[in-house]
Amino acid sequence: MAALLGLEPDLEVVAEVGRGDEVVDACRANEVDVAMLDVQMPGLDGLTATARLKSELPGVRVLIVTTFGRPGFIRRAIQAGADGFVVKDTPARQLADAVRRVYAGEPVIDPLLAADSVMVGESPLTRREAEVLRCASGGGTVATIARQLQLSQGTVRNHLSSAIGKTGAATRAEAARIAGDNGWL
C-alpha cells in the first residue's frame, strides 16, 4: 500500500509502523498529515490508536484502511475520531483520492459499508455486555471471566444472558460471533 501511494506525485509516505502503540510517536516524529491505520493492529488496536492520536495530535487526520469492513467498526472508528474508513481492496487510485480528500477535511466512508452500517444500526449491547462477550469469545468459563473482569459469576451470567437475547443467538459462542461479525466487539 505504501509503495502504491508513493507512486502518486503529490503524496509522500513519511513513516510506517507495525504496531498501534507506535502510531502517536511516529506521527509526532514525522509531522504526519494523514495517518492510515488498520482496525486490528498488534500492541494497540487501530480504533484505540485513533482516539489516542486525535487526543495528542488533533491536527492529524486518520483514514482507517482495513479488511474488517464490518458496520459496527465504521461507527466505532468515527466515534474514535477517524476522518475516513475504506476497505483494503479499494483500488489504488481511489485510495489515493481518499487520502487527498481526508487531508482536505472531507469525510470519506466506503459507500457500501456506510449503507450496511445504517441497515445494521448501533450495537444493542452495553459496554459491559460487549466486554463480557469479548472475554467469552476466547472460550473462558464464567468463573474465569468473573475473575478477569472482577465481577461476580452471577453478574457475568446475567450479562451473557442479556447479550444472547439482544443478538438473537442460542449460545454465548454464537452471540460472540454475531457481535464480532457486526463489529460490536
Foldseek 3Di string as FASTA:
>chain_A
DQVLLCVDPVDHDQDDDQALVCVQVSCVVRVAQEAEAEQCGPPDGPLQSLLVNCVVPVRHAYEYEYQLLALQVVVSSVVSPHQEYYYNVDDSVVVSVCRVCRSVVHRYYDVVSPVNNVVVDYDPADPVLLLLLVVCLVVDDLVVSCVVVVHDSVVSVVSLVVLCVSQVHDHSNVSSVSCVRNVND
